[in-house]
Amino acid sequence: MQFHLNLKKILHCFKFTKPQRLKAYELKWPENIIPICQPAHCPQLNPIERFWLFLKSQIKGQVFNTLEELRDRLNHLLSTIT
């Protein structure tokens, strides 16, 4: 893991799940890298999990005959939230 030397002015965060957590804390981290340990599935702490839950709730039970129909529906959903 040498990229921190090239990007010293940038703060990096690494997310670890439970099995990796103990090993993550044992490592000596450079100042610009912060290990973050959280449960593997924790929507409250991970915004992308909440986003996926929202998308799935909007298309649950719908049948799409083609991939293009699914893409159109997802594009429509994305346009309503951005």
C-alpha atoms as a PDB file:
ATOM      1  CA  MET A   1       0.000   0.000   0.000  1.00  0.00           C
ATOM      2  CA  GLN A   2       2.205   2.824  -1.288  1.00  0.00           C
ATOM      3  CA  PHE A   3      -0.348   5.210  -2.828  1.00  0.00           C
ATOM      4  CA  HIS A   4      -0.477   7.273   0.388  1.00  0.00           C
ATOM      5  CA  LEU A   5       3.056   8.469  -0.379  1.00  0.00           C
ATOM      6  CA  ASN A   6       1.976   9.960  -3.711  1.00  0.00           C
ATOM      7  CA  LEU A   7      -1.179  11.498  -2.255  1.00  0.00           C
ATOM      8  CA  LYS A   8       0.038  12.880   1.060  1.00  0.00           C
ATOM      9  CA  LYS A   9      -2.271  15.891   1.016  1.00  0.00           C
ATOM     10  CA  ILE A  10      -5.391  13.776   0.586  1.00  0.00           C
ATOM     11  CA  LEU A  11      -7.142  12.071   3.475  1.00  0.00           C
ATOM     12  CA  HIS A  12      -8.143   8.477   2.706  1.00  0.00           C
ATOM     13  CA  CYS A  13     -10.722   6.369   4.534  1.00  0.00           C
ATOM     14  CA  PHE A  14     -10.949   2.598   4.320  1.00  0.00           C
ATOM     15  CA  LYS A  15     -14.121   0.811   5.350  1.00  0.00           C
ATOM     16  CA  PHE A  16     -13.762  -2.560   7.026  1.00  0.00           C
ATOM     17  CA  THR A  17     -16.401  -5.074   8.018  1.00  0.00           C
ATOM     18  CA  LYS A  18     -16.393  -7.199  11.149  1.00  0.00           C
ATOM     19  CA  PRO A  19     -14.048 -10.009   9.996  1.00  0.00           C
ATOM     20  CA  GLN A  20     -11.448  -7.498   8.830  1.00  0.00           C
ATOM     21  CA  ARG A  21     -11.805  -5.162  11.796  1.00  0.00           C
ATOM     22  CA  LEU A  22      -9.331  -6.829  14.148  1.00  0.00           C
ATOM     23  CA  LYS A  23      -6.606  -6.982  11.529  1.00  0.00           C
ATOM     24  CA  ALA A  24      -7.269  -3.373  10.507  1.00  0.00           C
ATOM     25  CA  TYR A  25      -6.637  -2.103  14.021  1.00  0.00           C
ATOM     26  CA  GLU A  26      -3.420  -4.099  14.308  1.00  0.00           C
ATOM     27  CA  LEU A  27      -1.862  -2.364  11.308  1.00  0.00           C
ATOM     28  CA  LYS A  28       0.150   0.823  11.587  1.00  0.00           C
ATOM     29  CA  TRP A  29      -1.609   3.367   9.371  1.00  0.00           C
ATOM     30  CA  PRO A  30      -0.042   6.479   7.789  1.00  0.00           C
ATOM     31  CA  GLU A  31      -1.432   9.785   9.066  1.00  0.00           C
ATOM     32  CA  ASN A  32      -3.501  10.394   5.940  1.00  0.00           C
ATOM     33  CA  ILE A  33      -5.303   7.033   6.088  1.00  0.00           C
ATOM     34  CA  ILE A  34      -8.142   6.381   8.549  1.00  0.00           C
ATOM     35  CA  PRO A  35      -9.600   2.903   9.012  1.00  0.00           C
ATOM     36  CA  ILE A  36     -13.370   2.909   9.558  1.00  0.00           C
ATOM     37  CA  CYS A  37     -14.917  -0.250  10.950  1.00  0.00           C
ATOM     38  CA  GLN A  38     -18.646  -0.878  10.755  1.00  0.00           C
ATOM     39  CA  PRO A  39     -21.012  -3.828  10.345  1.00  0.00           C
ATOM     40  CA  ALA A  40     -21.150  -5.421   6.899  1.00  0.00           C
ATOM     41  CA  HIS A  41     -24.805  -4.504   6.355  1.00  0.00           C
ATOM     42  CA  CYS A  42     -25.713  -1.318   8.151  1.00  0.00           C
ATOM     43  CA  PRO A  43     -27.961   1.010   6.111  1.00  0.00           C
ATOM     44  CA  GLN A  44     -28.002   3.594   8.905  1.00  0.00           C
ATOM     45  CA  LEU A  45     -24.245   4.125   8.577  1.00  0.00           C
ATOM     46  CA  ASN A  46     -23.841   3.634   4.853  1.00  0.00           C
ATOM     47  CA  PRO A  47     -25.716   6.081   2.581  1.00  0.00           C
ATOM     48  CA  ILE A  48     -25.432   3.895  -0.517  1.00  0.00           C
ATOM     49  CA  GLU A  49     -27.296   1.133   1.328  1.00  0.00           C
ATOM     50  CA  ARG A  50     -30.199   3.523   1.926  1.00  0.00           C
ATOM     51  CA  PHE A  51     -30.113   4.517  -1.741  1.00  0.00           C
ATOM     52  CA  TRP A  52     -30.303   0.876  -2.895  1.00  0.00           C
ATOM     53  CA  LEU A  53     -33.172   0.226  -0.479  1.00  0.00           C
ATOM     54  CA  PHE A  54     -35.028   3.196  -1.980  1.00  0.00           C
ATOM     55  CA  LEU A  55     -34.465   2.022  -5.566  1.00  0.00           C
ATOM     56  CA  LYS A  56     -35.513  -1.535  -4.772  1.00  0.00           C
ATOM     57  CA  SER A  57     -38.668  -0.330  -3.023  1.00  0.00           C
ATOM     58  CA  GLN A  58     -39.656   1.662  -6.115  1.00  0.00           C
ATOM     59  CA  ILE A  59     -39.385  -1.253  -8.551  1.00  0.00           C
ATOM     60  CA  LYS A  60     -40.427  -4.111  -6.263  1.00  0.00           C
ATOM     61  CA  GLY A  61     -43.090  -6.280  -7.873  1.00  0.00           C
ATOM     62  CA  GLN A  62     -42.780  -4.657 -11.285  1.00  0.00           C
ATOM     63  CA  VAL A  63     -42.087  -6.776 -14.346  1.00  0.00           C
ATOM     64  CA  PHE A  64     -39.826  -5.431 -17.058  1.00  0.00           C
ATOM     65  CA  ASN A  65     -39.989  -7.216 -20.387  1.00  0.00           C
ATOM     66  CA  THR A  66     -36.726  -5.785 -21.612  1.00  0.00           C
ATOM     67  CA  LEU A  67     -33.576  -4.380 -20.137  1.00  0.00           C
ATOM     68  CA  GLU A  68     -34.429  -1.105 -21.857  1.00  0.00           C
ATOM     69  CA  GLU A  69     -37.687  -0.851 -19.853  1.00  0.00           C
ATOM     70  CA  LEU A  70     -35.752  -1.345 -16.623  1.00  0.00           C
ATOM     71  CA  ARG A  71     -33.208   1.283 -17.667  1.00  0.00           C
ATOM     72  CA  ASP A  72     -35.981   3.749 -18.504  1.00  0.00           C
ATOM     73  CA  ARG A  73     -37.615   3.207 -15.098  1.00  0.00           C
ATOM     74  CA  LEU A  74     -34.315   3.626 -13.259  1.00  0.00           C
ATOM     75  CA  ASN A  75     -33.476   6.759 -15.266  1.00  0.00           C
ATOM     76  CA  HIS A  76     -36.870   8.180 -14.358  1.00  0.00           C
ATOM     77  CA  LEU A  77     -36.299   7.422 -10.647  1.00  0.00           C
ATOM     78  CA  LEU A  78     -32.854   8.973 -10.747  1.00  0.00           C
ATOM     79  CA  SER A  79     -34.152  12.112 -12.427  1.00  0.00           C
ATOM     80  CA  THR A  80     -36.690  12.607  -9.641  1.00  0.00           C
ATOM     81  CA  ILE A  81     -34.070  12.569  -6.877  1.00  0.00           C
ATOM     82  CA  THR A  82     -31.260  14.570  -8.471  1.00  0.00           C
END
